[in-house]
């Protein structure tokens, strides 16, 4: 009798040990995530890495934010130059400390229509360009373009109250690329308002 009880106990123990193993194997198989890639929709176009054709038109540059400054507020324009505005016009001074002035009220510019002016001074460190933009309350940006088509976007300054004039300034490197620059004034939509042809100096 004892032999039969021992044998039966051994069979039951073996069944209990085997049961968790079988359950564990089944659970692992069901819970394992699928790593097979999802099929790509048939209508999805493949990304193109080919270069754009030369006929593609590059969008116009975004408008330049006009910085509002107080009357007489000095602005560091780089290369040792300082620019400031007063009610009667544009002021600037170079590294030598000598002050210059360009009036907007002496009758030398016609503020009844859009226009732009240009003054420049250079050294081995680079060339400082500045001028007035006037005759519009919709100025978007001023750009300088050299003979090779390189463009430099200027910084714009204006007094409070959205006046119909302001000051722009920019810096270019020394040498031939600073010579023969054209200046253009655009509105906020990218429309050309006024331009000065390139001039050698």
N, C-alpha and C. Protein backbone atom coordinates (compact mmCIF):
# COMPACT_ATOMS: atom_id res chain seq x y z
N UNK A 1 0.84 -1.20 0.00
CA UNK A 1 0.00 0.00 0.00
C UNK A 1 0.88 1.26 0.00
N UNK A 2 1.92 1.30 0.81
CA UNK A 2 2.80 2.48 0.88
C UNK A 2 3.47 2.73 -0.46
N UNK A 3 3.80 1.62 -1.18
CA UNK A 3 4.45 1.79 -2.48
C UNK A 3 3.53 2.52 -3.44
N UNK A 4 2.21 2.14 -3.45
CA UNK A 4 1.26 2.80 -4.35
C UNK A 4 1.11 4.29 -4.01
N UNK A 5 1.07 4.65 -2.68
CA UNK A 5 0.91 6.05 -2.28
C UNK A 5 2.12 6.89 -2.70
N UNK A 6 3.30 6.32 -2.55
CA UNK A 6 4.52 7.05 -2.95
C UNK A 6 4.53 7.29 -4.44
N UNK A 7 4.16 6.28 -5.22
CA UNK A 7 4.15 6.41 -6.67
C UNK A 7 3.13 7.46 -7.09
N UNK A 8 1.94 7.44 -6.48
CA UNK A 8 0.90 8.40 -6.83
C UNK A 8 1.34 9.83 -6.49
N UNK A 9 1.97 9.97 -5.34
CA UNK A 9 2.46 11.31 -4.95
C UNK A 9 3.48 11.83 -5.94
N UNK A 10 4.32 10.93 -6.45
CA UNK A 10 5.34 11.34 -7.45
C UNK A 10 4.68 11.81 -8.73
N UNK A 11 3.61 11.14 -9.17
CA UNK A 11 2.92 11.54 -10.41
C UNK A 11 2.28 12.91 -10.24
N UNK A 12 1.62 13.13 -9.07
CA UNK A 12 0.97 14.42 -8.82
C UNK A 12 2.00 15.55 -8.78
N UNK A 13 3.13 15.31 -8.14
CA UNK A 13 4.18 16.34 -8.06
C UNK A 13 4.69 16.70 -9.44
N UNK A 14 4.89 15.68 -10.28
CA UNK A 14 5.38 15.94 -11.64
C UNK A 14 4.38 16.77 -12.41
N UNK A 15 3.07 16.48 -12.23
CA UNK A 15 2.04 17.25 -12.95
C UNK A 15 2.02 18.70 -12.49
N UNK A 16 2.19 18.94 -11.17
CA UNK A 16 2.18 20.30 -10.64
C UNK A 16 3.37 21.09 -11.14
N UNK A 17 4.53 20.46 -11.21
CA UNK A 17 5.75 21.16 -11.68
C UNK A 17 5.63 21.51 -13.15
N UNK A 18 5.06 20.60 -13.93
CA UNK A 18 4.97 20.82 -15.38
C UNK A 18 3.95 21.89 -15.74
N UNK A 19 2.88 22.04 -14.95
CA UNK A 19 1.80 22.96 -15.31
C UNK A 19 2.25 24.41 -15.41
N UNK A 20 2.97 24.99 -14.42
CA UNK A 20 3.41 26.38 -14.57
C UNK A 20 4.28 26.61 -15.77
N UNK A 21 5.12 25.63 -16.11
CA UNK A 21 6.01 25.78 -17.27
C UNK A 21 5.19 25.91 -18.54
N UNK A 22 4.15 25.14 -18.68
CA UNK A 22 3.34 25.19 -19.88
C UNK A 22 2.60 26.51 -19.97
N UNK A 23 2.07 26.97 -18.81
CA UNK A 23 1.34 28.24 -18.79
C UNK A 23 2.27 29.39 -19.13
N UNK A 24 3.47 29.36 -18.54
CA UNK A 24 4.44 30.42 -18.82
C UNK A 24 4.80 30.48 -20.28
N UNK A 25 5.01 29.35 -20.93
CA UNK A 25 5.38 29.34 -22.34
C UNK A 25 4.26 29.92 -23.18
N UNK A 26 3.02 29.62 -22.86
CA UNK A 26 1.89 30.10 -23.63
C UNK A 26 1.74 31.61 -23.49
N UNK A 27 1.88 32.13 -22.25
CA UNK A 27 1.75 33.57 -22.01
C UNK A 27 2.81 34.35 -22.75
N UNK A 28 4.04 33.89 -22.73
CA UNK A 28 5.15 34.59 -23.41
C UNK A 28 4.90 34.68 -24.90
N UNK A 29 4.39 33.65 -25.50
CA UNK A 29 4.15 33.64 -26.95
C UNK A 29 3.06 34.64 -27.33
N UNK A 30 2.01 34.72 -26.52
CA UNK A 30 0.90 35.63 -26.83
C UNK A 30 1.31 37.08 -26.62
N UNK A 31 2.08 37.36 -25.56
CA UNK A 31 2.42 38.75 -25.21
C UNK A 31 3.55 39.31 -26.04
N UNK A 32 4.31 38.50 -26.74
CA UNK A 32 5.46 38.98 -27.50
C UNK A 32 5.00 39.89 -28.63
N UNK A 33 5.48 41.17 -28.69
CA UNK A 33 5.02 42.08 -29.75
C UNK A 33 5.56 41.68 -31.10
N UNK A 34 4.79 42.01 -32.12
CA UNK A 34 5.22 41.70 -33.48
C UNK A 34 6.21 42.74 -33.95
N UNK A 35 7.27 42.29 -34.55
CA UNK A 35 8.30 43.22 -35.07
C UNK A 35 8.24 43.35 -36.58
N UNK A 36 7.25 42.73 -37.19
CA UNK A 36 7.15 42.81 -38.65
C UNK A 36 6.75 44.23 -39.04
N UNK A 37 7.40 44.87 -40.05
CA UNK A 37 7.07 46.25 -40.44
C UNK A 37 5.68 46.34 -41.03
N UNK A 38 5.01 47.48 -40.73
CA UNK A 38 3.69 47.69 -41.29
C UNK A 38 3.82 47.96 -42.78
N UNK A 39 2.89 47.51 -43.57
CA UNK A 39 2.97 47.76 -45.01
C UNK A 39 2.80 49.24 -45.31
N UNK A 40 3.56 49.79 -46.24
CA UNK A 40 3.49 51.20 -46.62
C UNK A 40 2.30 51.40 -47.54
N UNK A 41 1.49 52.47 -47.29
CA UNK A 41 0.35 52.69 -48.18
C UNK A 41 0.80 52.83 -49.62
N UNK A 42 0.01 52.29 -50.50
CA UNK A 42 0.39 52.29 -51.92
C UNK A 42 0.40 53.69 -52.49
N UNK A 43 -0.38 54.61 -51.89
CA UNK A 43 -0.48 55.96 -52.45
C UNK A 43 0.56 56.92 -51.89
N UNK A 44 1.35 56.50 -50.89
CA UNK A 44 2.34 57.40 -50.30
C UNK A 44 3.52 57.59 -51.23
N UNK A 45 3.81 58.84 -51.67
CA UNK A 45 4.92 59.05 -52.59
C UNK A 45 6.26 58.90 -51.89
N UNK A 46 7.20 58.33 -52.57
CA UNK A 46 8.54 58.15 -52.00
C UNK A 46 9.22 59.51 -51.94
N UNK A 47 9.94 59.82 -50.84
CA UNK A 47 10.62 61.12 -50.74
C UNK A 47 11.69 61.26 -51.80
N UNK A 48 11.76 62.46 -52.38
CA UNK A 48 12.73 62.70 -53.44
C UNK A 48 13.95 63.41 -52.88
N UNK A 49 15.11 62.95 -53.26
CA UNK A 49 16.36 63.60 -52.83
C UNK A 49 17.03 64.30 -53.99
N UNK A 50 16.34 64.36 -55.14
CA UNK A 50 16.93 65.00 -56.32
C UNK A 50 16.99 66.50 -56.10
N UNK A 51 18.01 67.22 -56.60
CA UNK A 51 18.12 68.66 -56.44
C UNK A 51 16.99 69.38 -57.18
N UNK A 52 16.63 70.57 -56.67
CA UNK A 52 15.58 71.33 -57.32
C UNK A 52 16.06 71.80 -58.69
N UNK A 53 15.17 71.84 -59.66
CA UNK A 53 15.57 72.36 -60.97
C UNK A 53 15.90 73.84 -60.89
N UNK A 54 16.71 74.32 -61.79
CA UNK A 54 17.16 75.71 -61.77
C UNK A 54 16.02 76.69 -62.00
N UNK A 55 14.91 76.22 -62.55
CA UNK A 55 13.81 77.11 -62.86
C UNK A 55 12.94 77.45 -61.65
N UNK A 56 13.19 76.78 -60.50
CA UNK A 56 12.38 77.04 -59.31
C UNK A 56 12.70 78.44 -58.79
N UNK A 57 11.65 79.23 -58.49
CA UNK A 57 11.82 80.58 -58.00
C UNK A 57 11.97 80.57 -56.48
N UNK A 58 13.01 81.22 -55.97
CA UNK A 58 13.23 81.31 -54.53
C UNK A 58 12.31 82.37 -53.96
N UNK A 59 11.55 82.08 -52.89
CA UNK A 59 10.64 83.08 -52.32
C UNK A 59 11.39 84.31 -51.86
N UNK A 60 10.70 85.46 -51.92
CA UNK A 60 11.31 86.72 -51.48
C UNK A 60 11.64 86.64 -50.00
N UNK A 61 12.68 87.37 -49.61
CA UNK A 61 13.09 87.37 -48.21
C UNK A 61 11.98 87.95 -47.33
N UNK A 62 11.92 87.47 -46.10
CA UNK A 62 10.90 87.94 -45.16
C UNK A 62 11.18 89.38 -44.79
N UNK A 63 10.13 90.13 -44.43
CA UNK A 63 10.34 91.52 -44.02
C UNK A 63 11.27 91.62 -42.81
N UNK A 64 12.02 92.71 -42.76
CA UNK A 64 12.89 92.97 -41.62
C UNK A 64 12.09 93.72 -40.56
N UNK A 65 12.16 93.27 -39.33
CA UNK A 65 11.46 93.96 -38.26
C UNK A 65 12.12 95.31 -38.02
N UNK A 66 11.32 96.36 -38.02
CA UNK A 66 11.85 97.70 -37.80
C UNK A 66 11.99 97.93 -36.30
N UNK A 67 13.17 98.27 -35.87
CA UNK A 67 13.41 98.53 -34.45
C UNK A 67 13.02 99.96 -34.11
N UNK A 68 12.15 100.13 -33.13
CA UNK A 68 11.75 101.46 -32.70
C UNK A 68 12.71 101.97 -31.63
N UNK A 69 13.22 103.18 -31.85
CA UNK A 69 14.18 103.77 -30.91
C UNK A 69 13.69 105.15 -30.49
N UNK A 70 14.12 105.58 -29.32
CA UNK A 70 13.78 106.91 -28.84
C UNK A 70 14.62 107.97 -29.56
N UNK A 71 14.10 109.15 -29.62
CA UNK A 71 14.86 110.25 -30.21
C UNK A 71 16.16 110.44 -29.45
N UNK A 72 17.28 110.42 -30.15
CA UNK A 72 18.59 110.59 -29.53
C UNK A 72 19.20 109.32 -28.97
N UNK A 73 18.48 108.20 -29.03
CA UNK A 73 19.01 106.94 -28.50
C UNK A 73 20.15 106.43 -29.38
N UNK A 74 21.31 106.19 -28.79
CA UNK A 74 22.48 105.75 -29.54
C UNK A 74 22.42 104.24 -29.78
N UNK A 75 22.65 103.84 -31.02
CA UNK A 75 22.62 102.43 -31.41
C UNK A 75 24.01 102.03 -31.91
N UNK A 76 24.57 101.00 -31.32
CA UNK A 76 25.88 100.48 -31.76
C UNK A 76 25.67 99.73 -33.06
N UNK A 77 26.22 100.25 -34.15
CA UNK A 77 26.04 99.65 -35.47
C UNK A 77 27.22 98.80 -35.90
N UNK A 78 28.21 98.60 -35.03
CA UNK A 78 29.36 97.77 -35.35
C UNK A 78 30.45 98.54 -36.07
N UNK A 79 31.64 97.94 -36.11
CA UNK A 79 32.82 98.54 -36.75
C UNK A 79 33.17 99.90 -36.16
N UNK A 80 32.71 100.16 -34.92
CA UNK A 80 33.01 101.43 -34.27
C UNK A 80 32.04 102.54 -34.62
N UNK A 81 30.94 102.24 -35.32
CA UNK A 81 29.97 103.25 -35.73
C UNK A 81 28.77 103.28 -34.80
N UNK A 82 28.22 104.47 -34.63
CA UNK A 82 27.02 104.68 -33.81
C UNK A 82 26.00 105.45 -34.64
N UNK A 83 24.74 105.06 -34.52
CA UNK A 83 23.66 105.70 -35.27
C UNK A 83 22.59 106.15 -34.28
N UNK A 84 21.99 107.31 -34.52
CA UNK A 84 20.83 107.74 -33.72
C UNK A 84 19.93 108.62 -34.59
N UNK A 85 18.67 108.70 -34.18
CA UNK A 85 17.67 109.46 -34.92
C UNK A 85 17.13 110.57 -34.03
N UNK A 86 16.83 111.71 -34.67
CA UNK A 86 16.08 112.77 -34.01
C UNK A 86 14.94 113.16 -34.94
N UNK A 87 14.08 114.04 -34.50
CA UNK A 87 12.91 114.40 -35.31
C UNK A 87 13.30 115.00 -36.66
N UNK A 88 14.50 115.55 -36.75
CA UNK A 88 14.89 116.21 -38.00
C UNK A 88 15.78 115.35 -38.89
N UNK A 89 16.13 114.12 -38.47
CA UNK A 89 16.88 113.28 -39.39
C UNK A 89 17.80 112.26 -38.75
N UNK A 90 18.74 111.80 -39.54
CA UNK A 90 19.67 110.72 -39.20
C UNK A 90 21.02 111.29 -38.76
N UNK A 91 21.57 110.71 -37.70
CA UNK A 91 22.90 111.09 -37.21
C UNK A 91 23.75 109.83 -37.12
N UNK A 92 25.02 109.96 -37.38
CA UNK A 92 25.93 108.84 -37.18
C UNK A 92 27.34 109.35 -36.92
N UNK A 93 28.12 108.52 -36.24
CA UNK A 93 29.51 108.86 -35.92
C UNK A 93 30.35 107.61 -36.12
N UNK A 94 31.58 107.82 -36.62
CA UNK A 94 32.49 106.72 -36.88
C UNK A 94 33.50 106.53 -35.78
N UNK A 95 34.48 105.65 -36.00
CA UNK A 95 35.51 105.38 -34.99
C UNK A 95 36.31 106.60 -34.60
N UNK A 96 36.39 107.57 -35.51
CA UNK A 96 37.16 108.78 -35.20
C UNK A 96 36.36 109.77 -34.35
N UNK A 97 35.07 109.46 -34.11
CA UNK A 97 34.25 110.33 -33.28
C UNK A 97 33.58 111.47 -34.02
N UNK A 98 33.93 111.64 -35.29
CA UNK A 98 33.35 112.74 -36.07
C UNK A 98 31.89 112.44 -36.38
N UNK A 99 30.99 113.40 -36.10
CA UNK A 99 29.56 113.20 -36.28
C UNK A 99 29.08 113.71 -37.64
N UNK A 100 28.12 112.96 -38.22
CA UNK A 100 27.53 113.32 -39.49
C UNK A 100 26.02 113.45 -39.33
N UNK A 101 25.38 114.14 -40.28
CA UNK A 101 23.94 114.36 -40.18
C UNK A 101 23.33 114.37 -41.57
N UNK A 102 22.13 113.76 -41.67
CA UNK A 102 21.37 113.77 -42.93
C UNK A 102 19.94 114.16 -42.58
N UNK A 103 19.51 115.32 -43.07
CA UNK A 103 18.21 115.86 -42.70
C UNK A 103 17.07 115.22 -43.50
N UNK A 104 15.89 115.14 -42.84
CA UNK A 104 14.67 114.70 -43.53
C UNK A 104 13.68 115.86 -43.64
N UNK A 105 14.10 117.05 -43.20
CA UNK A 105 13.17 118.20 -43.20
C UNK A 105 13.70 119.41 -43.97
N UNK A 106 14.88 119.28 -44.58
CA UNK A 106 15.45 120.44 -45.27
C UNK A 106 15.03 120.55 -46.73
N UNK A 107 14.19 119.65 -47.20
CA UNK A 107 13.71 119.72 -48.57
C UNK A 107 14.56 118.98 -49.58
N UNK A 108 15.66 118.36 -49.13
CA UNK A 108 16.54 117.65 -50.07
C UNK A 108 16.03 116.26 -50.42
N UNK A 109 15.06 115.74 -49.69
CA UNK A 109 14.44 114.47 -50.07
C UNK A 109 12.94 114.69 -50.22
N UNK A 110 12.34 113.96 -51.13
CA UNK A 110 10.92 114.08 -51.41
C UNK A 110 10.17 112.97 -50.67
N UNK A 111 9.57 113.32 -49.55
CA UNK A 111 8.87 112.32 -48.74
C UNK A 111 7.45 112.04 -49.23
N UNK A 112 7.07 112.63 -50.36
CA UNK A 112 5.75 112.35 -50.91
C UNK A 112 5.72 111.03 -51.69
N UNK A 113 6.89 110.45 -51.92
CA UNK A 113 6.97 109.16 -52.61
C UNK A 113 8.13 108.35 -52.03
N UNK A 114 8.07 107.00 -52.14
CA UNK A 114 9.12 106.16 -51.55
C UNK A 114 10.49 106.45 -52.14
N UNK A 115 11.49 106.46 -51.26
CA UNK A 115 12.86 106.67 -51.70
C UNK A 115 13.83 106.09 -50.70
N UNK A 116 15.10 106.04 -51.09
CA UNK A 116 16.15 105.49 -50.23
C UNK A 116 17.45 106.21 -50.56
N UNK A 117 18.29 106.45 -49.55
CA UNK A 117 19.59 107.08 -49.76
C UNK A 117 20.69 106.16 -49.26
N UNK A 118 21.94 106.51 -49.58
CA UNK A 118 23.06 105.62 -49.24
C UNK A 118 24.32 106.43 -48.98
N UNK A 119 24.91 106.22 -47.82
CA UNK A 119 26.24 106.74 -47.51
C UNK A 119 27.10 105.56 -47.06
N UNK A 120 28.40 105.62 -47.31
CA UNK A 120 29.28 104.52 -46.89
C UNK A 120 30.65 105.05 -46.51
N UNK A 121 31.27 104.33 -45.59
CA UNK A 121 32.62 104.64 -45.13
C UNK A 121 33.31 103.32 -44.86
N UNK A 122 34.56 103.18 -45.30
CA UNK A 122 35.23 101.90 -45.14
C UNK A 122 36.62 101.99 -44.58
N UNK A 123 37.10 100.83 -44.13
CA UNK A 123 38.47 100.68 -43.64
C UNK A 123 38.87 99.23 -43.88
N UNK A 124 40.05 98.85 -43.41
CA UNK A 124 40.48 97.47 -43.57
C UNK A 124 39.60 96.50 -42.79
N UNK A 125 38.90 97.01 -41.78
CA UNK A 125 38.04 96.15 -40.97
C UNK A 125 36.72 95.84 -41.67
N UNK A 126 36.34 96.66 -42.65
CA UNK A 126 35.08 96.46 -43.36
C UNK A 126 34.49 97.80 -43.75
N UNK A 127 33.33 97.75 -44.38
CA UNK A 127 32.66 98.96 -44.85
C UNK A 127 31.32 99.12 -44.15
N UNK A 128 31.07 100.32 -43.65
CA UNK A 128 29.81 100.63 -42.99
C UNK A 128 28.93 101.39 -43.97
N UNK A 129 27.72 100.89 -44.16
CA UNK A 129 26.74 101.50 -45.06
C UNK A 129 25.55 101.96 -44.24
N UNK A 130 24.97 103.10 -44.62
CA UNK A 130 23.76 103.57 -43.94
C UNK A 130 23.01 104.51 -44.87
N UNK A 131 21.79 104.83 -44.47
CA UNK A 131 20.99 105.73 -45.29
C UNK A 131 19.61 105.91 -44.71
N UNK A 132 18.80 106.66 -45.45
CA UNK A 132 17.41 106.89 -45.09
C UNK A 132 16.50 106.04 -45.98
N UNK A 133 15.36 105.61 -45.44
CA UNK A 133 14.25 105.15 -46.27
C UNK A 133 13.08 106.05 -45.92
N UNK A 134 12.26 106.43 -46.89
CA UNK A 134 11.26 107.45 -46.62
C UNK A 134 10.12 107.37 -47.64
N UNK A 135 9.06 108.15 -47.35
CA UNK A 135 7.92 108.22 -48.27
C UNK A 135 6.96 107.05 -48.18
N UNK A 136 7.07 106.23 -47.14
CA UNK A 136 6.16 105.10 -46.98
C UNK A 136 6.08 104.69 -45.51
N UNK A 137 4.92 104.19 -45.12
CA UNK A 137 4.75 103.62 -43.78
C UNK A 137 4.69 102.09 -43.86
N UNK A 138 5.01 101.54 -45.03
CA UNK A 138 4.92 100.09 -45.24
C UNK A 138 6.29 99.48 -45.54
N UNK A 139 7.36 100.13 -45.12
CA UNK A 139 8.71 99.60 -45.39
C UNK A 139 8.85 98.20 -44.79
N UNK A 140 9.40 97.29 -45.60
CA UNK A 140 9.61 95.93 -45.13
C UNK A 140 11.06 95.58 -44.94
N UNK A 141 11.91 95.99 -45.89
CA UNK A 141 13.33 95.71 -45.76
C UNK A 141 14.12 96.56 -46.76
N UNK A 142 15.40 96.71 -46.47
CA UNK A 142 16.36 97.34 -47.37
C UNK A 142 17.45 96.32 -47.64
N UNK A 143 17.81 96.15 -48.90
CA UNK A 143 18.84 95.19 -49.28
C UNK A 143 19.92 95.86 -50.11
N UNK A 144 21.16 95.43 -49.88
CA UNK A 144 22.29 95.83 -50.71
C UNK A 144 22.68 94.63 -51.56
N UNK A 145 22.94 94.86 -52.84
CA UNK A 145 23.31 93.78 -53.75
C UNK A 145 24.58 94.17 -54.50
N UNK A 146 25.59 93.27 -54.47
CA UNK A 146 26.83 93.58 -55.18
C UNK A 146 26.76 93.07 -56.62
N UNK A 147 27.84 93.29 -57.37
CA UNK A 147 27.87 92.95 -58.78
C UNK A 147 27.73 91.46 -59.03
N UNK A 148 28.06 90.63 -58.05
CA UNK A 148 27.96 89.18 -58.19
C UNK A 148 26.61 88.64 -57.71
N UNK A 149 25.74 89.53 -57.27
CA UNK A 149 24.42 89.09 -56.82
C UNK A 149 24.31 88.75 -55.35
N UNK A 150 25.39 88.95 -54.58
CA UNK A 150 25.33 88.70 -53.14
C UNK A 150 24.50 89.78 -52.47
N UNK A 151 23.58 89.36 -51.60
CA UNK A 151 22.68 90.31 -50.94
C UNK A 151 23.01 90.47 -49.46
N UNK A 152 22.90 91.68 -48.97
CA UNK A 152 23.07 91.98 -47.55
C UNK A 152 21.81 92.69 -47.08
N UNK A 153 21.14 92.14 -46.08
CA UNK A 153 19.92 92.75 -45.55
C UNK A 153 20.29 93.72 -44.44
N UNK A 154 19.76 94.93 -44.52
CA UNK A 154 20.10 95.99 -43.56
C UNK A 154 19.21 95.91 -42.32
N UNK A 155 19.69 96.54 -41.26
CA UNK A 155 18.90 96.73 -40.04
C UNK A 155 18.14 98.05 -40.18
N UNK A 156 16.87 98.06 -39.78
CA UNK A 156 16.03 99.25 -39.93
C UNK A 156 15.70 99.84 -38.56
N UNK A 157 15.76 101.17 -38.47
CA UNK A 157 15.42 101.90 -37.24
C UNK A 157 14.39 102.96 -37.56
N UNK A 158 13.50 103.23 -36.61
CA UNK A 158 12.52 104.30 -36.78
C UNK A 158 12.12 104.85 -35.42
N UNK A 159 11.63 106.07 -35.42
CA UNK A 159 11.13 106.68 -34.19
C UNK A 159 9.72 106.17 -33.89
N UNK A 160 9.24 106.32 -32.65
CA UNK A 160 7.89 105.86 -32.32
C UNK A 160 6.83 106.57 -33.16
N UNK A 161 5.68 105.91 -33.32
CA UNK A 161 4.56 106.53 -34.02
C UNK A 161 4.45 106.19 -35.49
N UNK A 162 5.20 105.21 -35.96
CA UNK A 162 5.17 104.79 -37.36
C UNK A 162 5.33 105.96 -38.34
N UNK A 163 6.43 106.69 -38.25
CA UNK A 163 6.64 107.79 -39.20
C UNK A 163 6.87 107.27 -40.61
N UNK A 164 6.87 108.21 -41.57
CA UNK A 164 7.04 107.80 -42.98
C UNK A 164 8.52 107.79 -43.37
N UNK A 165 9.41 107.72 -42.39
CA UNK A 165 10.83 107.63 -42.71
C UNK A 165 11.55 106.88 -41.58
N UNK A 166 12.75 106.45 -41.90
CA UNK A 166 13.58 105.77 -40.91
C UNK A 166 15.00 105.67 -41.43
N UNK A 167 15.83 104.95 -40.70
CA UNK A 167 17.25 104.80 -41.03
C UNK A 167 17.58 103.32 -41.20
N UNK A 168 18.43 103.02 -42.14
CA UNK A 168 18.94 101.65 -42.28
C UNK A 168 20.46 101.67 -42.18
N UNK A 169 21.02 100.53 -41.76
CA UNK A 169 22.49 100.39 -41.77
C UNK A 169 22.86 98.94 -41.98
N UNK A 170 24.05 98.73 -42.53
CA UNK A 170 24.56 97.37 -42.80
C UNK A 170 26.07 97.43 -42.87
N UNK A 171 26.70 96.27 -42.77
CA UNK A 171 28.16 96.18 -42.86
C UNK A 171 28.53 95.15 -43.92
N UNK A 172 29.55 95.43 -44.68
CA UNK A 172 30.10 94.47 -45.64
C UNK A 172 31.60 94.41 -45.45
N UNK A 173 32.23 93.41 -46.04
CA UNK A 173 33.67 93.27 -45.92
C UNK A 173 34.41 94.33 -46.71
N UNK A 174 35.66 94.48 -46.42
CA UNK A 174 36.49 95.43 -47.15
C UNK A 174 36.84 94.84 -48.51
N UNK A 175 37.23 95.70 -49.43
CA UNK A 175 37.68 95.21 -50.72
C UNK A 175 36.64 95.35 -51.81
N UNK A 176 36.86 94.70 -52.97
CA UNK A 176 36.00 94.87 -54.15
C UNK A 176 34.52 94.57 -53.91
N UNK A 177 34.21 93.60 -53.00
CA UNK A 177 32.81 93.24 -52.80
C UNK A 177 32.01 94.35 -52.13
N UNK A 178 32.70 95.34 -51.56
CA UNK A 178 32.00 96.46 -50.95
C UNK A 178 31.77 97.58 -51.94
N UNK A 179 32.32 97.45 -53.13
CA UNK A 179 32.17 98.47 -54.14
C UNK A 179 31.09 98.05 -55.14
N UNK A 180 30.41 99.03 -55.72
CA UNK A 180 29.41 98.73 -56.73
C UNK A 180 28.17 98.08 -56.17
N UNK A 181 27.69 98.57 -55.03
CA UNK A 181 26.50 98.01 -54.41
C UNK A 181 25.26 98.79 -54.81
N UNK A 182 24.19 98.06 -55.18
CA UNK A 182 22.90 98.67 -55.40
C UNK A 182 22.08 98.56 -54.12
N UNK A 183 21.19 99.52 -53.90
CA UNK A 183 20.36 99.53 -52.70
C UNK A 183 18.90 99.54 -53.12
N UNK A 184 18.10 98.70 -52.48
CA UNK A 184 16.68 98.61 -52.83
C UNK A 184 15.82 98.61 -51.58
N UNK A 185 14.69 99.29 -51.67
CA UNK A 185 13.69 99.36 -50.59
C UNK A 185 12.46 98.57 -51.01
N UNK A 186 12.02 97.65 -50.15
CA UNK A 186 10.84 96.83 -50.42
C UNK A 186 9.79 97.06 -49.35
N UNK A 187 8.52 96.83 -49.71
CA UNK A 187 7.48 96.90 -48.69
C UNK A 187 7.36 95.55 -48.00
N UNK A 188 6.40 95.42 -47.07
CA UNK A 188 6.29 94.21 -46.28
C UNK A 188 5.82 93.01 -47.10
N UNK A 189 5.24 93.25 -48.26
CA UNK A 189 4.80 92.16 -49.13
C UNK A 189 5.88 91.75 -50.13
N UNK A 190 7.03 92.43 -50.08
CA UNK A 190 8.13 92.10 -50.99
C UNK A 190 8.13 92.90 -52.28
N UNK A 191 7.25 93.90 -52.40
CA UNK A 191 7.20 94.72 -53.61
C UNK A 191 8.29 95.79 -53.57
N UNK A 192 8.99 95.95 -54.69
CA UNK A 192 10.04 96.97 -54.79
C UNK A 192 9.41 98.35 -54.78
N UNK A 193 9.87 99.20 -53.86
CA UNK A 193 9.34 100.57 -53.76
C UNK A 193 10.29 101.59 -54.36
N UNK A 194 11.59 101.41 -54.16
CA UNK A 194 12.58 102.36 -54.66
C UNK A 194 13.93 101.68 -54.69
N UNK A 195 14.81 102.17 -55.57
CA UNK A 195 16.16 101.59 -55.62
C UNK A 195 17.16 102.62 -56.10
N UNK A 196 18.41 102.41 -55.69
CA UNK A 196 19.55 103.17 -56.17
C UNK A 196 20.43 102.23 -56.97
N UNK A 197 20.85 102.61 -58.16
CA UNK A 197 21.71 101.72 -58.95
C UNK A 197 23.07 101.58 -58.30
N UNK A 198 23.77 100.51 -58.64
CA UNK A 198 25.12 100.28 -58.12
C UNK A 198 26.04 101.40 -58.56
N UNK A 199 26.89 101.83 -57.64
CA UNK A 199 27.84 102.89 -57.93
C UNK A 199 29.22 102.48 -57.44
N UNK A 200 30.23 102.74 -58.21
CA UNK A 200 31.61 102.49 -57.80
C UNK A 200 32.08 103.66 -56.94
N UNK A 201 32.84 103.35 -55.89
CA UNK A 201 33.37 104.42 -55.03
C UNK A 201 34.73 104.00 -54.50
